[in-house]
Amino acid sequence: MKEESLDFNIDFSKNQGMVPVVVQDAQSRDVLMLAYANQEALDLTLSSGYAHYYSRSRNQLWKKGETSGHLQEIVEIRVDCDLDTLLYLVRQTGPACHTNRFSCFYRRVLKGKFEFI
């Protein structure tokens, strides 16, 4: 397999200057949440070692857990083949979801209805 350069250019051009970030627990591999990052949020994440995102509803940067204490320490960052989606593998402190559940994905669709898991 050909090794790629360590320099990378994430493609922020497709979604109003942001990319989706899938967040996964590094140990359990549970998907915790989906958020968005712009270049500044990614830079803060890389420099601090903790997940930062861009809130589309509040139009501002935010550090996950800044007010709740439910921080996401970065273990690894992966990028998809199109360079337009990130995967953060994190050590989650406390719940990831604002509903106080470990994951935002706590409901499954079963026969057209939600079932809590």
C-alpha atoms as a PDB file:
ATOM      1  CA  MET A   1       0.000   0.000   0.000  1.00  0.00           C
ATOM      2  CA  LYS A   2       1.297   3.432  -0.918  1.00  0.00           C
ATOM      3  CA  GLU A   3       2.047   5.653   2.057  1.00  0.00           C
ATOM      4  CA  GLU A   4       0.559   9.124   1.900  1.00  0.00           C
ATOM      5  CA  SER A   5       2.091  12.383   3.013  1.00  0.00           C
ATOM      6  CA  LEU A   6       1.643  13.380   6.646  1.00  0.00           C
ATOM      7  CA  ASP A   7       0.380  16.735   5.401  1.00  0.00           C
ATOM      8  CA  PHE A   8      -3.368  16.710   4.930  1.00  0.00           C
ATOM      9  CA  ASN A   9      -6.019  19.071   3.693  1.00  0.00           C
ATOM     10  CA  ILE A  10      -9.477  18.405   5.039  1.00  0.00           C
ATOM     11  CA  ASP A  11     -12.135  19.470   2.525  1.00  0.00           C
ATOM     12  CA  PHE A  12     -14.224  22.043   4.398  1.00  0.00           C
ATOM     13  CA  SER A  13     -15.753  23.367   1.155  1.00  0.00           C
ATOM     14  CA  LYS A  14     -18.729  21.003   0.840  1.00  0.00           C
ATOM     15  CA  ASN A  15     -20.786  21.924   3.925  1.00  0.00           C
ATOM     16  CA  GLN A  16     -20.538  25.649   4.602  1.00  0.00           C
ATOM     17  CA  GLY A  17     -16.988  25.394   5.921  1.00  0.00           C
ATOM     18  CA  MET A  18     -17.664  22.403   8.178  1.00  0.00           C
ATOM     19  CA  VAL A  19     -17.202  18.654   8.142  1.00  0.00           C
ATOM     20  CA  PRO A  20     -19.196  16.028  10.027  1.00  0.00           C
ATOM     21  CA  VAL A  21     -17.404  14.366  12.925  1.00  0.00           C
ATOM     22  CA  VAL A  22     -18.449  10.884  13.993  1.00  0.00           C
ATOM     23  CA  VAL A  23     -17.426  10.347  17.613  1.00  0.00           C
ATOM     24  CA  GLN A  24     -16.669   6.840  18.833  1.00  0.00           C
ATOM     25  CA  ASP A  25     -15.615   5.556  22.250  1.00  0.00           C
ATOM     26  CA  ALA A  26     -12.043   4.324  21.824  1.00  0.00           C
ATOM     27  CA  GLN A  27     -12.477   1.357  24.144  1.00  0.00           C
ATOM     28  CA  SER A  28     -16.031   0.075  23.552  1.00  0.00           C
ATOM     29  CA  ARG A  29     -16.233   1.298  19.934  1.00  0.00           C
ATOM     30  CA  ASP A  30     -19.769   2.563  20.619  1.00  0.00           C
ATOM     31  CA  VAL A  31     -20.761   5.485  18.414  1.00  0.00           C
ATOM     32  CA  LEU A  32     -21.376   8.351  20.819  1.00  0.00           C
ATOM     33  CA  MET A  33     -22.503  11.269  18.703  1.00  0.00           C
ATOM     34  CA  LEU A  34     -22.303  13.199  15.455  1.00  0.00           C
ATOM     35  CA  ALA A  35     -21.132  16.798  15.468  1.00  0.00           C
ATOM     36  CA  TYR A  36     -19.510  19.269  13.078  1.00  0.00           C
ATOM     37  CA  ALA A  37     -16.103  20.913  13.000  1.00  0.00           C
ATOM     38  CA  ASN A  38     -14.724  23.828  11.065  1.00  0.00           C
ATOM     39  CA  GLN A  39     -11.003  24.471  10.603  1.00  0.00           C
ATOM     40  CA  GLU A  40     -10.721  26.380  13.876  1.00  0.00           C
ATOM     41  CA  ALA A  41     -12.447  23.602  15.845  1.00  0.00           C
ATOM     42  CA  LEU A  42     -10.142  21.005  14.297  1.00  0.00           C
ATOM     43  CA  ASP A  43      -7.085  23.138  15.071  1.00  0.00           C
ATOM     44  CA  LEU A  44      -8.193  23.483  18.716  1.00  0.00           C
ATOM     45  CA  THR A  45      -8.813  19.738  18.918  1.00  0.00           C
ATOM     46  CA  LEU A  46      -5.365  18.972  17.535  1.00  0.00           C
ATOM     47  CA  SER A  47      -3.582  21.458  19.790  1.00  0.00           C
ATOM     48  CA  SER A  48      -5.460  20.684  23.029  1.00  0.00           C
ATOM     49  CA  GLY A  49      -6.062  16.947  22.746  1.00  0.00           C
ATOM     50  CA  TYR A  50      -9.762  17.462  23.569  1.00  0.00           C
ATOM     51  CA  ALA A  51     -12.715  17.531  21.170  1.00  0.00           C
ATOM     52  CA  HIS A  52     -13.900  20.921  19.951  1.00  0.00           C
ATOM     53  CA  TYR A  53     -16.803  21.397  17.576  1.00  0.00           C
ATOM     54  CA  TYR A  54     -18.732  24.095  15.770  1.00  0.00           C
ATOM     55  CA  SER A  55     -22.337  24.504  16.873  1.00  0.00           C
ATOM     56  CA  ARG A  56     -24.535  25.144  13.866  1.00  0.00           C
ATOM     57  CA  SER A  57     -27.460  26.247  16.052  1.00  0.00           C
ATOM     58  CA  ARG A  58     -25.438  28.681  18.191  1.00  0.00           C
ATOM     59  CA  ASN A  59     -22.965  29.635  15.417  1.00  0.00           C
ATOM     60  CA  GLN A  60     -19.981  29.266  17.720  1.00  0.00           C
ATOM     61  CA  LEU A  61     -17.159  26.992  18.733  1.00  0.00           C
ATOM     62  CA  TRP A  62     -17.584  24.737  21.751  1.00  0.00           C
ATOM     63  CA  LYS A  63     -15.428  22.366  23.693  1.00  0.00           C
ATOM     64  CA  LYS A  64     -17.294  19.168  24.493  1.00  0.00           C
ATOM     65  CA  GLY A  65     -17.787  19.004  28.255  1.00  0.00           C
ATOM     66  CA  GLU A  66     -16.716  22.562  28.975  1.00  0.00           C
ATOM     67  CA  THR A  67     -19.779  23.191  31.131  1.00  0.00           C
ATOM     68  CA  SER A  68     -20.871  19.622  31.970  1.00  0.00           C
ATOM     69  CA  GLY A  69     -17.433  18.172  32.674  1.00  0.00           C
ATOM     70  CA  HIS A  70     -18.158  15.359  30.202  1.00  0.00           C
ATOM     71  CA  LEU A  71     -14.948  15.812  28.233  1.00  0.00           C
ATOM     72  CA  GLN A  72     -13.792  13.895  25.188  1.00  0.00           C
ATOM     73  CA  GLU A  73     -10.058  13.217  25.239  1.00  0.00           C
ATOM     74  CA  ILE A  74      -8.792  12.471  21.755  1.00  0.00           C
ATOM     75  CA  VAL A  75      -7.136   9.079  21.328  1.00  0.00           C
ATOM     76  CA  GLU A  76      -7.010   9.087  17.540  1.00  0.00           C
ATOM     77  CA  ILE A  77      -8.411  11.054  14.603  1.00  0.00           C
ATOM     78  CA  ARG A  78      -9.210   9.384  11.313  1.00  0.00           C
ATOM     79  CA  VAL A  79     -10.345  10.922   8.044  1.00  0.00           C
ATOM     80  CA  ASP A  80     -12.458   9.296   5.349  1.00  0.00           C
ATOM     81  CA  CYS A  81     -11.397   8.638   1.763  1.00  0.00           C
ATOM     82  CA  ASP A  82     -12.880  11.920   0.457  1.00  0.00           C
ATOM     83  CA  LEU A  83     -11.190  13.999   3.185  1.00  0.00           C
ATOM     84  CA  ASP A  84     -14.575  15.465   4.148  1.00  0.00           C
ATOM     85  CA  THR A  85     -15.585  13.497   7.267  1.00  0.00           C
ATOM     86  CA  LEU A  86     -13.674  12.925  10.493  1.00  0.00           C
ATOM     87  CA  LEU A  87     -13.808  10.129  13.036  1.00  0.00           C
ATOM     88  CA  TYR A  88     -12.729  10.964  16.578  1.00  0.00           C
ATOM     89  CA  LEU A  89     -11.858   8.028  18.808  1.00  0.00           C
ATOM     90  CA  VAL A  90     -12.176   9.407  22.323  1.00  0.00           C
ATOM     91  CA  ARG A  91     -12.004   8.658  26.016  1.00  0.00           C
ATOM     92  CA  GLN A  92     -15.410   9.874  27.133  1.00  0.00           C
ATOM     93  CA  THR A  93     -15.852  11.270  30.648  1.00  0.00           C
ATOM     94  CA  GLY A  94     -19.487  10.794  31.650  1.00  0.00           C
ATOM     95  CA  PRO A  95     -22.341  10.760  29.146  1.00  0.00           C
ATOM     96  CA  ALA A  96     -21.822  12.096  25.631  1.00  0.00           C
ATOM     97  CA  CYS A  97     -25.464  12.988  25.025  1.00  0.00           C
ATOM     98  CA  HIS A  98     -27.149  16.122  26.363  1.00  0.00           C
ATOM     99  CA  THR A  99     -29.954  13.803  27.589  1.00  0.00           C
ATOM    100  CA  ASN A 100     -27.426  12.305  30.046  1.00  0.00           C
ATOM    101  CA  ARG A 101     -27.192   9.037  28.124  1.00  0.00           C
ATOM    102  CA  PHE A 102     -23.823   7.541  27.271  1.00  0.00           C
ATOM    103  CA  SER A 103     -24.540   7.801  23.530  1.00  0.00           C
ATOM    104  CA  CYS A 104     -26.860   9.978  21.479  1.00  0.00           C
ATOM    105  CA  PHE A 105     -27.855   6.778  19.654  1.00  0.00           C
ATOM    106  CA  TYR A 106     -30.012   5.258  22.391  1.00  0.00           C
ATOM    107  CA  ARG A 107     -33.086   4.507  20.258  1.00  0.00           C
ATOM    108  CA  ARG A 108     -33.494   1.939  17.524  1.00  0.00           C
ATOM    109  CA  VAL A 109     -36.220   1.822  14.898  1.00  0.00           C
ATOM    110  CA  LEU A 110     -38.221  -1.358  15.172  1.00  0.00           C
ATOM    111  CA  LYS A 111     -41.261  -1.907  12.951  1.00  0.00           C
ATOM    112  CA  GLY A 112     -41.554   1.824  12.338  1.00  0.00           C
ATOM    113  CA  LYS A 113     -41.389   2.775  16.017  1.00  0.00           C
ATOM    114  CA  PHE A 114     -38.645   3.752  18.431  1.00  0.00           C
ATOM    115  CA  GLU A 115     -37.374   1.288  20.964  1.00  0.00           C
ATOM    116  CA  PHE A 116     -35.070   2.461  23.734  1.00  0.00           C
ATOM    117  CA  ILE A 117     -31.855   0.479  24.081  1.00  0.00           C
END
